[in-house]
Protein backbone atom coordinates (compact mmCIF):
# COMPACT_ATOMS: atom_id res chain seq x y z
CA UNK A 1 -4.00 -45.29 -9.55
CA UNK A 2 -1.50 -44.26 -6.74
CA UNK A 3 -1.15 -43.20 -3.58
CA UNK A 4 -2.29 -45.44 0.04
CA UNK A 5 -5.53 -46.69 -0.85
CA UNK A 6 -4.66 -48.11 -4.51
CA UNK A 7 -4.66 -51.87 -5.01
CA UNK A 8 -1.18 -53.35 -5.13
CA UNK A 9 0.15 -53.94 -8.55
CA UNK A 10 -0.48 -57.59 -9.79
CA UNK A 11 -2.66 -58.11 -6.63
CA UNK A 12 -6.07 -57.14 -8.16
CA UNK A 13 -8.12 -59.13 -5.89
CA UNK A 14 -7.01 -57.81 -2.88
CA UNK A 15 -9.45 -56.10 -0.49
CA UNK A 16 -8.71 -52.51 -0.42
CA UNK A 17 -8.26 -50.80 3.55
CA UNK A 18 -11.64 -49.24 4.04
CA UNK A 19 -13.64 -50.80 1.09
CA UNK A 20 -16.39 -52.04 3.63
CA UNK A 21 -17.15 -48.74 4.51
CA UNK A 22 -18.73 -47.46 1.18
CA UNK A 23 -19.45 -50.78 -0.72
CA UNK A 24 -20.63 -49.92 -4.02
CA UNK A 25 -22.60 -46.61 -3.28
CA UNK A 26 -24.07 -44.78 -4.82
CA UNK A 27 -22.51 -41.62 -4.63
CA UNK A 28 -23.66 -38.22 -5.91
CA UNK A 29 -21.08 -36.35 -7.75
CA UNK A 30 -22.24 -32.40 -8.75
CA UNK A 31 -19.87 -30.23 -9.77
CA UNK A 32 -19.98 -26.19 -10.44
CA UNK A 33 -19.61 -23.69 -13.53
CA UNK A 34 -16.21 -24.25 -15.09
CA UNK A 35 -14.15 -26.56 -17.75
CA UNK A 36 -11.87 -27.29 -14.64
CA UNK A 37 -14.54 -27.97 -11.95
CA UNK A 38 -16.21 -30.76 -14.78
CA UNK A 39 -12.65 -32.12 -15.77
CA UNK A 40 -12.07 -32.73 -11.87
CA UNK A 41 -15.32 -34.28 -11.87
CA UNK A 42 -14.90 -36.53 -14.32
CA UNK A 43 -11.91 -37.57 -12.51
CA UNK A 44 -13.62 -38.41 -9.49
CA UNK A 45 -15.98 -40.20 -11.83
CA UNK A 46 -13.11 -42.52 -13.25
CA UNK A 47 -11.71 -42.66 -9.32
CA UNK A 48 -15.55 -44.58 -8.63
CA UNK A 49 -15.45 -46.74 -11.54
CA UNK A 50 -12.29 -48.18 -11.01
CA UNK A 51 -13.55 -48.88 -7.44
CA UNK A 52 -16.38 -49.97 -8.90
CA UNK A 53 -18.68 -47.35 -7.11
CA UNK A 54 -21.97 -46.35 -8.61
CA UNK A 55 -22.95 -42.60 -9.12
CA UNK A 56 -24.11 -40.13 -10.76
CA UNK A 57 -22.38 -37.32 -12.22
CA UNK A 58 -24.35 -34.25 -12.28
CA UNK A 59 -23.68 -30.47 -13.16
CA UNK A 60 -25.04 -28.39 -10.36
CA UNK A 61 -27.83 -26.76 -12.09
CA UNK A 62 -29.48 -30.20 -13.38
CA UNK A 63 -29.97 -30.94 -9.89
CA UNK A 64 -33.66 -30.65 -9.54
CA UNK A 65 -35.96 -33.20 -7.74
CA UNK A 66 -33.80 -35.82 -6.63
CA UNK A 67 -33.82 -37.84 -3.80
CA UNK A 68 -30.93 -36.88 -1.90
CA UNK A 69 -31.49 -39.36 0.68
CA UNK A 70 -30.73 -41.81 -1.89
CA UNK A 71 -27.03 -41.25 -1.95
CA UNK A 72 -24.55 -42.86 0.84
CA UNK A 73 -21.54 -40.05 -0.27
CA UNK A 74 -22.37 -36.04 -1.86
CA UNK A 75 -19.08 -34.85 -3.33
CA UNK A 76 -18.85 -31.47 -4.86
CA UNK A 77 -16.79 -29.57 -7.25
CA UNK A 78 -17.06 -25.59 -6.68
CA UNK A 79 -17.12 -23.41 -9.68
CA UNK A 80 -13.71 -23.13 -11.27
CA UNK A 81 -14.95 -19.64 -12.65
CA UNK A 82 -15.37 -16.37 -10.87
CA UNK A 83 -18.52 -15.95 -8.94
CA UNK A 84 -20.57 -14.09 -11.10
CA UNK A 85 -24.12 -14.74 -13.18
CA UNK A 86 -24.16 -18.49 -13.58
CA UNK A 87 -21.68 -19.55 -11.13
CA UNK A 88 -22.77 -17.16 -8.09
CA UNK A 89 -26.54 -18.82 -8.69
CA UNK A 90 -24.89 -22.35 -8.61
CA UNK A 91 -22.99 -21.39 -5.66
CA UNK A 92 -26.48 -20.85 -3.99
CA UNK A 93 -27.63 -24.14 -5.36
CA UNK A 94 -24.23 -25.73 -3.49
CA UNK A 95 -24.89 -24.72 -0.50
CA UNK A 96 -29.04 -25.52 -0.52
CA UNK A 97 -27.63 -29.06 -1.69
CA UNK A 98 -25.55 -29.95 1.38
CA UNK A 99 -27.74 -28.28 3.56
CA UNK A 100 -31.00 -30.11 2.17
CA UNK A 101 -28.73 -33.67 2.17
CA UNK A 102 -27.16 -33.19 5.62
CA UNK A 103 -30.77 -33.06 6.55
CA UNK A 104 -31.94 -36.50 4.83
CA UNK A 105 -28.77 -37.90 6.33
CA UNK A 106 -27.76 -36.22 9.48
CA UNK A 107 -24.75 -39.09 10.57
CA UNK A 108 -21.17 -38.39 8.74
CA UNK A 109 -17.85 -39.76 8.62
CA UNK A 110 -17.09 -39.79 12.55
CA UNK A 111 -20.79 -41.82 12.94
CA UNK A 112 -18.98 -44.16 10.12
CA UNK A 113 -15.20 -44.33 10.91
CA UNK A 114 -16.19 -44.91 15.11
CA UNK A 115 -18.48 -48.11 14.00
CA UNK A 116 -21.52 -46.46 15.88
CA UNK A 117 -23.47 -46.39 11.66
CA UNK A 118 -23.12 -48.78 9.52
CA UNK A 119 -21.90 -47.56 5.35
CA UNK A 120 -25.30 -47.06 4.28
CA UNK A 121 -26.77 -45.36 7.44
CA UNK A 122 -24.60 -41.99 7.03
CA UNK A 123 -23.72 -39.75 4.52
CA UNK A 124 -20.06 -38.65 3.69
CA UNK A 125 -19.48 -35.20 2.01
CA UNK A 126 -16.59 -33.82 0.63
CA UNK A 127 -15.97 -30.55 -1.55
CA UNK A 128 -13.18 -30.35 -3.65
CA UNK A 129 -11.79 -26.89 -4.70
CA UNK A 130 -8.70 -24.75 -5.20
CA UNK A 131 -8.06 -22.00 -2.63
CA UNK A 132 -9.30 -19.15 -4.69
CA UNK A 133 -12.59 -21.23 -5.01
CA UNK A 134 -13.01 -22.11 -1.52
CA UNK A 135 -12.08 -18.09 -0.89
CA UNK A 136 -15.03 -17.22 -3.26
CA UNK A 137 -17.35 -19.62 -2.64
CA UNK A 138 -18.59 -18.20 1.23
CA UNK A 139 -19.82 -21.58 2.57
CA UNK A 140 -20.99 -19.72 5.64
CA UNK A 141 -22.73 -22.40 8.16
CA UNK A 142 -22.93 -25.03 5.47
CA UNK A 143 -18.95 -25.87 6.67
CA UNK A 144 -20.40 -27.44 9.83
CA UNK A 145 -22.25 -29.87 7.22
CA UNK A 146 -19.11 -31.07 5.65
CA UNK A 147 -16.99 -34.18 6.57
CA UNK A 148 -13.91 -33.55 4.90
CA UNK A 149 -12.84 -29.94 2.61
CA UNK A 150 -9.92 -30.68 -0.60
CA UNK A 151 -7.99 -27.70 -1.26
CA UNK A 152 -6.39 -28.66 -4.74
CA UNK A 153 -4.45 -27.59 -7.14
CA UNK A 154 -5.62 -27.83 -10.98
CA UNK A 155 -3.40 -31.07 -11.27
CA UNK A 156 -3.14 -32.36 -8.11
CA UNK A 157 -5.34 -35.89 -7.98
CA UNK A 158 -6.88 -36.96 -4.67
CA UNK A 159 -8.63 -39.79 -3.53
CA UNK A 160 -11.70 -39.54 -2.37
CA UNK A 161 -11.17 -43.07 -0.49
CA UNK A 162 -8.64 -41.97 1.41
CA UNK A 163 -11.06 -41.04 4.19
CA UNK A 164 -12.36 -44.83 4.60
CA UNK A 165 -9.18 -45.59 5.78
CA UNK A 166 -9.42 -44.62 9.29
CA UNK A 167 -11.98 -46.77 10.86
CA UNK A 168 -11.00 -47.74 13.76
CA UNK A 169 -8.45 -45.59 14.44
CA UNK A 170 -8.86 -42.14 16.45
CA UNK A 171 -10.64 -39.09 14.38
CA UNK A 172 -7.84 -36.71 13.10
CA UNK A 173 -7.99 -33.23 14.29
CA UNK A 174 -9.91 -30.95 12.23
CA UNK A 175 -8.38 -29.56 9.27
CA UNK A 176 -7.85 -25.59 8.84
CA UNK A 177 -11.07 -24.66 6.87
CA UNK A 178 -13.18 -27.79 7.51
CA UNK A 179 -15.14 -29.21 9.75
CA UNK A 180 -17.62 -32.38 10.71
CA UNK A 181 -19.56 -32.94 12.92
CA UNK A 182 -16.53 -35.00 13.50
CA UNK A 183 -15.23 -32.53 15.60
CA UNK A 184 -18.15 -32.40 18.45
CA UNK A 185 -16.79 -32.92 21.72
CA UNK A 186 -18.70 -35.40 24.29
CA UNK A 187 -19.63 -32.42 26.80
CA UNK A 188 -21.21 -30.50 23.85
CA UNK A 189 -23.06 -33.83 22.39
CA UNK A 190 -24.21 -34.59 26.16
CA UNK A 191 -25.50 -30.99 26.54
CA UNK A 192 -27.06 -31.16 23.12
CA UNK A 193 -29.00 -34.56 24.32
CA UNK A 194 -30.33 -33.18 27.67
CA UNK A 195 -31.96 -29.90 25.71
CA UNK A 196 -33.85 -32.83 23.47
CA UNK A 197 -34.93 -34.74 27.01
CA UNK A 198 -32.80 -37.27 26.45
CA UNK A 199 -30.35 -38.34 29.24
CA UNK A 200 -29.81 -41.71 28.50
CA UNK A 201 -27.47 -42.07 25.35
CA UNK A 202 -29.09 -45.47 24.35
CA UNK A 203 -32.06 -43.70 23.53
CA UNK A 204 -30.69 -41.45 20.81
CA UNK A 205 -30.57 -44.10 17.89
CA UNK A 206 -35.13 -44.42 18.86
CA UNK A 207 -35.32 -40.63 18.77
CA UNK A 208 -33.57 -39.94 15.73
CA UNK A 209 -35.11 -42.50 13.54
CA UNK A 210 -38.37 -41.32 14.68
CA UNK A 211 -37.59 -37.72 13.48
CA UNK A 212 -35.73 -39.06 10.25
CA UNK A 213 -38.93 -41.04 9.80
CA UNK A 214 -40.83 -37.79 9.85
CA UNK A 215 -38.56 -35.37 7.72
CA UNK A 216 -39.33 -38.75 4.78
CA UNK A 217 -42.76 -38.44 5.74
CA UNK A 218 -43.05 -34.92 5.29
CA UNK A 219 -41.59 -34.98 1.65
CA UNK A 220 -44.85 -36.26 0.43
CA UNK A 221 -46.33 -33.35 -1.51
CA UNK A 222 -50.10 -34.05 -0.17
CA UNK A 223 -48.67 -32.70 3.26
CA UNK A 224 -49.57 -28.93 1.70
CA UNK A 225 -48.59 -27.18 4.74
CA UNK A 226 -45.47 -29.68 5.57
CA UNK A 227 -43.70 -30.16 1.70
CA UNK A 228 -42.50 -26.97 0.99
CA UNK A 229 -43.81 -24.09 2.82
CA UNK A 230 -40.96 -21.75 1.45
CA UNK A 231 -41.33 -21.81 -2.66
CA UNK A 232 -38.22 -22.59 -4.37
CA UNK A 233 -36.34 -24.17 -1.06
CA UNK A 234 -35.94 -27.99 -1.03
CA UNK A 235 -37.00 -27.91 2.44
CA UNK A 236 -39.77 -29.27 4.24
CA UNK A 237 -40.79 -27.71 7.24
CA UNK A 238 -39.76 -29.91 9.62
CA UNK A 239 -36.13 -29.54 8.25
CA UNK A 240 -36.89 -25.80 8.47
CA UNK A 241 -37.21 -26.18 11.89
CA UNK A 242 -34.24 -28.87 12.75
CA UNK A 243 -31.89 -26.97 10.52
CA UNK A 244 -32.49 -23.42 10.49
CA UNK A 245 -34.51 -22.04 12.68
CA UNK A 246 -34.21 -18.55 12.10
CA UNK A 247 -35.96 -18.61 9.00
CA UNK A 248 -39.02 -16.76 8.52
CA UNK A 249 -41.64 -16.90 6.05
CA UNK A 250 -41.36 -14.38 3.89
CA UNK A 251 -43.48 -10.99 4.01
CA UNK A 252 -44.78 -10.34 7.67
CA UNK A 253 -48.42 -10.87 6.89
CA UNK A 254 -47.96 -14.87 7.04
CA UNK A 255 -45.56 -14.82 10.29
CA UNK A 256 -48.67 -16.05 12.66
CA UNK A 257 -49.45 -18.04 9.80
CA UNK A 258 -46.15 -19.64 9.84
CA UNK A 259 -45.71 -20.17 13.37
CA UNK A 260 -48.92 -21.71 13.78
CA UNK A 261 -48.01 -24.01 11.07
CA UNK A 262 -44.81 -24.81 12.93
CA UNK A 263 -46.30 -25.69 16.09
CA UNK A 264 -48.73 -28.05 14.48
CA UNK A 265 -45.73 -29.83 12.70
CA UNK A 266 -43.84 -29.95 16.27
CA UNK A 267 -46.70 -31.49 18.12
CA UNK A 268 -47.38 -33.69 15.41
CA UNK A 269 -43.48 -34.61 15.80
């Protein structure tokens, strides 16, 4: 492997810059339809193995019943086939995976690089794809949940560990086509905190831990009204309220019940 993150030749035991920010994983590498997407995913898996990082390499259609909160990083390789048939359905699945993962791990790369969170407390999301794949993907609002977007050529090799080398350095400007909780201004963050009734920044950690605890608790199927309120969506009711507040239950007859259950969910939280 070459590049700024590679180990110097003849110095196998030398520490790599930034390696304390990812440790041993585990990472989840998900790939869409197409042989080139699968080949790219296997390249990334080889890079992880070289670094001693555990990973699960899974086709997007097989990500079923996974506890996404288990993974400290998520890498998505977009489909390399036209968005038709299976590729189209896999794109919907990719969007769902990114949303669910960010709901389970709300802190991204910025919190890791500035030292406010440790490597096992965050979820770093990277998305790989050709320019055509990104244009066809239509990730929509999911881009706000992604830490880094890679536009890559078919034979281009990008080191997924390079993002960790910026520890202690100013966060780089947002790249075209990418975003990250990374780019939020202090002013917008303060306004968001005040909307939650948090006037003291030190209170945010406790509040977030409480909310994350509720998210995990509602992942129990025994909470029938909270666990999976919309069939086919891998989100619990609190996930919908926090991440997709505009979502409503299918069918107008359920609106009253939906609102009532949401109200009880918020009261419990």
